[in-house]
Amino acid sequence: MSGFSKGLDKVEVALRWDPSPVGSPAHDLDVIAAVYTASDPYGSPAYLVHFDSRSPDGTVYLSRDSTTGKGFGDDEVLTLEFARQPDAHARIVVGVVIQQRPDRLVFADVAHPEVRIREGYRELAGDDFSSVAQSTAATVAEFVRTPGGAWELRQGVRGFDLDPDAFTAAMGARAV
C-alpha cells in the first residue's frame, strides 16, 4: 500500500438533541468552527463560523440552525470543505456550546445530545457528551493540515465551563 493520502475532502459535523420538556425553556445548542492560520495555529482564530455566518470564502458553513432541538434528523449541520481551504489555513477546531438562557445548563441537562462527524457515508467519529456531562461547552473535533498538505481529523472531546463568548476565545488553545 502506498503512503500517499489525499486526506479529508468534505466533512459534515452533525449535532442533534431532543427538545426540552413541555413548559420548560428551549435548549439551544450551537456548533461553532474556529479557523486558525499556519502563522498562529493556537492564537486568535482568523474567523469563526456559527449561526448567521459562514467563512469568507464559503468553505465552512452551517446549513441548519435549530434553537429548540425539534424536528427529525440532525438539528445543526456544519460543512467543512477541506479541498478548497486556502494554504494559509492550518487548523480548524469545531465545538458545541449551550446557550445559557435563562439558567445555566450543562450537557447532562440536555436530553440525548449527540454529535457525528462523517465524510460522505463514512462515519469518522461520534460522541454523546457523557464524558463532559458537567460542561457548558466542548470541542468535538480538531482538523489539521499535515506537512504534505492533506487534512486529518484528531478525535477527542474536551469540556469547558464557559459562556459562549469565552468559549470561542478559549476553544483553540493548546490542551494541557
Protein backbone atom coordinates (compact mmCIF):
# COMPACT_ATOMS: atom_id res chain seq x y z
CA MET A 1 0.00 0.00 0.00
CA SER A 2 1.25 3.48 -0.84
CA GLY A 3 1.99 6.12 1.82
CA PHE A 4 0.17 8.68 -0.32
CA SER A 5 -3.01 10.04 1.23
CA LYS A 6 -5.23 12.79 -0.12
CA GLY A 7 -6.72 13.34 3.34
CA LEU A 8 -10.19 14.61 4.07
CA ASP A 9 -12.26 16.30 1.39
CA LYS A 10 -15.75 17.39 2.53
CA VAL A 11 -16.82 16.67 6.11
CA GLU A 12 -20.08 17.25 7.97
CA VAL A 13 -20.36 17.76 11.72
CA ALA A 14 -23.97 16.99 12.66
CA LEU A 15 -25.50 17.83 16.05
CA ARG A 16 -28.81 16.66 17.44
CA TRP A 17 -30.63 16.76 20.75
CA ASP A 18 -34.17 16.24 21.99
CA PRO A 19 -36.40 19.21 22.84
CA SER A 20 -36.68 20.31 26.46
CA PRO A 21 -39.71 19.10 28.44
CA VAL A 22 -43.07 20.77 27.73
CA GLY A 23 -43.37 24.00 29.69
CA SER A 24 -39.59 24.37 30.10
CA PRO A 25 -37.43 26.90 28.25
CA ALA A 26 -35.99 25.57 24.98
CA HIS A 27 -32.45 24.20 24.99
CA ASP A 28 -30.34 25.86 22.29
CA LEU A 29 -27.05 24.22 21.31
CA ASP A 30 -24.77 25.71 18.66
CA VAL A 31 -21.98 24.29 16.51
CA ILE A 32 -19.04 26.67 16.10
CA ALA A 33 -15.92 26.38 13.94
CA ALA A 34 -12.76 28.38 14.58
CA VAL A 35 -10.29 28.63 11.69
CA TYR A 36 -6.61 29.19 12.52
CA THR A 37 -3.74 30.20 10.25
CA ALA A 38 -0.39 28.47 9.89
CA SER A 39 1.31 31.56 11.30
CA ASP A 40 -0.81 31.46 14.51
CA PRO A 41 -2.34 27.96 14.88
CA TYR A 42 -3.05 28.31 18.63
CA GLY A 43 -3.66 32.06 18.86
CA SER A 44 -6.72 34.02 17.88
CA PRO A 45 -8.81 32.47 15.12
CA ALA A 46 -8.72 34.07 11.68
CA TYR A 47 -12.52 33.86 11.87
CA LEU A 48 -15.42 31.99 13.49
CA VAL A 49 -18.32 30.29 11.76
CA HIS A 50 -21.58 29.95 13.70
CA PHE A 51 -25.30 30.64 13.24
CA ASP A 52 -25.88 33.53 10.83
CA SER A 53 -22.31 33.39 9.47
CA ARG A 54 -20.07 31.48 7.09
CA SER A 55 -16.42 31.62 6.15
CA PRO A 56 -15.47 34.49 3.83
CA ASP A 57 -14.51 32.01 1.07
CA GLY A 58 -17.56 29.74 1.60
CA THR A 59 -15.52 26.68 2.63
CA VAL A 60 -17.08 26.40 6.12
CA TYR A 61 -20.83 26.90 6.55
CA LEU A 62 -23.80 25.96 8.71
CA SER A 63 -26.75 24.56 6.78
CA ARG A 64 -29.13 24.01 9.67
CA ASP A 65 -29.56 26.01 12.87
CA SER A 66 -32.08 24.86 15.45
CA THR A 67 -32.86 26.76 18.62
CA THR A 68 -35.06 24.05 20.14
CA GLY A 69 -33.96 20.56 19.04
CA LYS A 70 -37.41 19.99 17.49
CA GLY A 71 -37.75 18.12 14.24
CA PHE A 72 -36.47 14.94 12.66
CA GLY A 73 -32.84 14.15 11.99
CA ASP A 74 -29.96 16.50 12.63
CA ASP A 75 -30.68 19.84 14.28
CA GLU A 76 -27.49 21.58 13.12
CA VAL A 77 -25.06 20.62 10.34
CA LEU A 78 -21.69 22.29 9.79
CA THR A 79 -19.92 21.54 6.49
CA LEU A 80 -16.16 21.89 6.03
CA GLU A 81 -14.70 21.74 2.52
CA PHE A 82 -11.03 20.91 3.01
CA ALA A 83 -10.12 20.57 -0.66
CA ARG A 84 -10.86 24.28 -1.08
CA GLN A 85 -9.16 25.57 2.08
CA PRO A 86 -6.57 28.28 1.39
CA ASP A 87 -2.94 27.31 2.03
CA ALA A 88 -2.81 29.85 4.87
CA HIS A 89 -5.27 27.77 6.94
CA ALA A 90 -3.62 25.08 9.06
CA ARG A 91 -6.14 24.15 11.75
CA ILE A 92 -9.91 24.16 12.29
CA VAL A 93 -11.42 23.44 15.71
CA VAL A 94 -15.12 22.57 15.97
CA GLY A 95 -17.03 22.99 19.19
CA VAL A 96 -20.53 22.84 20.63
CA VAL A 97 -21.79 25.40 23.11
CA ILE A 98 -25.05 25.57 25.07
CA GLN A 99 -26.71 28.99 25.06
CA GLN A 100 -27.07 29.96 28.72
CA ARG A 101 -30.56 31.39 28.99
CA PRO A 102 -32.42 31.74 31.20
CA ASP A 103 -30.45 29.46 33.56
CA ARG A 104 -27.06 27.72 33.47
CA LEU A 105 -27.22 24.44 31.55
CA VAL A 106 -24.69 21.64 31.17
CA PHE A 107 -24.76 18.73 28.72
CA ALA A 108 -26.33 16.49 31.41
CA ASP A 109 -29.35 18.86 31.41
CA VAL A 110 -29.97 18.36 27.68
CA ALA A 111 -31.86 15.26 26.55
CA HIS A 112 -29.85 12.97 24.25
CA PRO A 113 -27.23 15.33 22.82
CA GLU A 114 -25.15 13.68 20.10
CA VAL A 115 -22.55 14.78 17.57
CA ARG A 116 -21.50 12.80 14.50
CA ILE A 117 -18.64 13.57 12.14
CA ARG A 118 -18.81 12.00 8.71
CA GLU A 119 -17.31 12.23 5.26
CA GLY A 120 -19.94 11.14 2.78
CA TYR A 121 -21.39 7.91 4.15
CA ARG A 122 -18.31 7.13 6.26
CA GLU A 123 -18.64 7.95 9.95
CA LEU A 124 -15.36 9.34 11.28
CA ALA A 125 -16.35 9.97 14.91
CA GLY A 126 -19.30 10.42 17.24
CA ASP A 127 -19.98 11.30 20.84
CA ASP A 128 -22.87 11.67 23.30
CA PHE A 129 -21.15 14.24 25.59
CA SER A 130 -21.31 11.87 28.59
CA SER A 131 -17.58 12.35 29.23
CA VAL A 132 -18.17 16.12 29.58
CA ALA A 133 -21.65 15.95 31.15
CA GLN A 134 -20.99 18.81 33.60
CA SER A 135 -19.60 21.15 30.93
CA THR A 136 -21.39 24.05 29.21
CA ALA A 137 -19.33 23.71 26.01
CA ALA A 138 -16.97 21.24 24.36
CA THR A 139 -14.60 20.95 21.46
CA VAL A 140 -15.57 17.89 19.41
CA ALA A 141 -13.01 17.83 16.58
CA GLU A 142 -9.70 19.28 15.54
CA PHE A 143 -8.78 19.18 11.87
CA VAL A 144 -5.14 19.86 10.99
CA ARG A 145 -3.22 20.20 7.76
CA THR A 146 -0.34 17.72 7.57
CA PRO A 147 3.11 18.72 6.27
CA GLY A 148 2.12 17.11 2.96
CA GLY A 149 -0.95 19.36 2.68
CA ALA A 150 -3.66 16.77 3.45
CA TRP A 151 -6.22 17.40 6.19
CA GLU A 152 -6.73 14.89 9.00
CA LEU A 153 -9.05 14.58 11.99
CA ARG A 154 -7.74 14.47 15.54
CA GLN A 155 -10.55 12.99 17.59
CA GLY A 156 -11.39 13.88 21.14
CA VAL A 157 -13.97 15.74 23.16
CA ARG A 158 -12.75 18.36 25.63
CA GLY A 159 -15.17 20.05 28.04
CA PHE A 160 -15.26 23.69 29.13
CA ASP A 161 -17.29 25.54 31.75
CA LEU A 162 -17.54 28.83 29.86
CA ASP A 163 -20.21 31.06 28.38
CA PRO A 164 -20.40 31.20 24.55
CA ASP A 165 -18.17 34.29 24.16
CA ALA A 166 -15.46 32.99 26.49
CA PHE A 167 -15.62 29.56 24.84
CA THR A 168 -14.91 30.94 21.36
CA ALA A 169 -11.81 32.66 22.76
CA ALA A 170 -10.55 29.50 24.54
CA MET A 171 -11.58 26.63 22.26
CA GLY A 172 -8.44 26.67 20.12
CA ALA A 173 -5.91 26.89 22.95
CA ARG A 174 -3.41 24.09 23.40
CA ALA A 175 -4.70 21.28 25.61
CA VAL A 176 -2.65 20.88 28.77
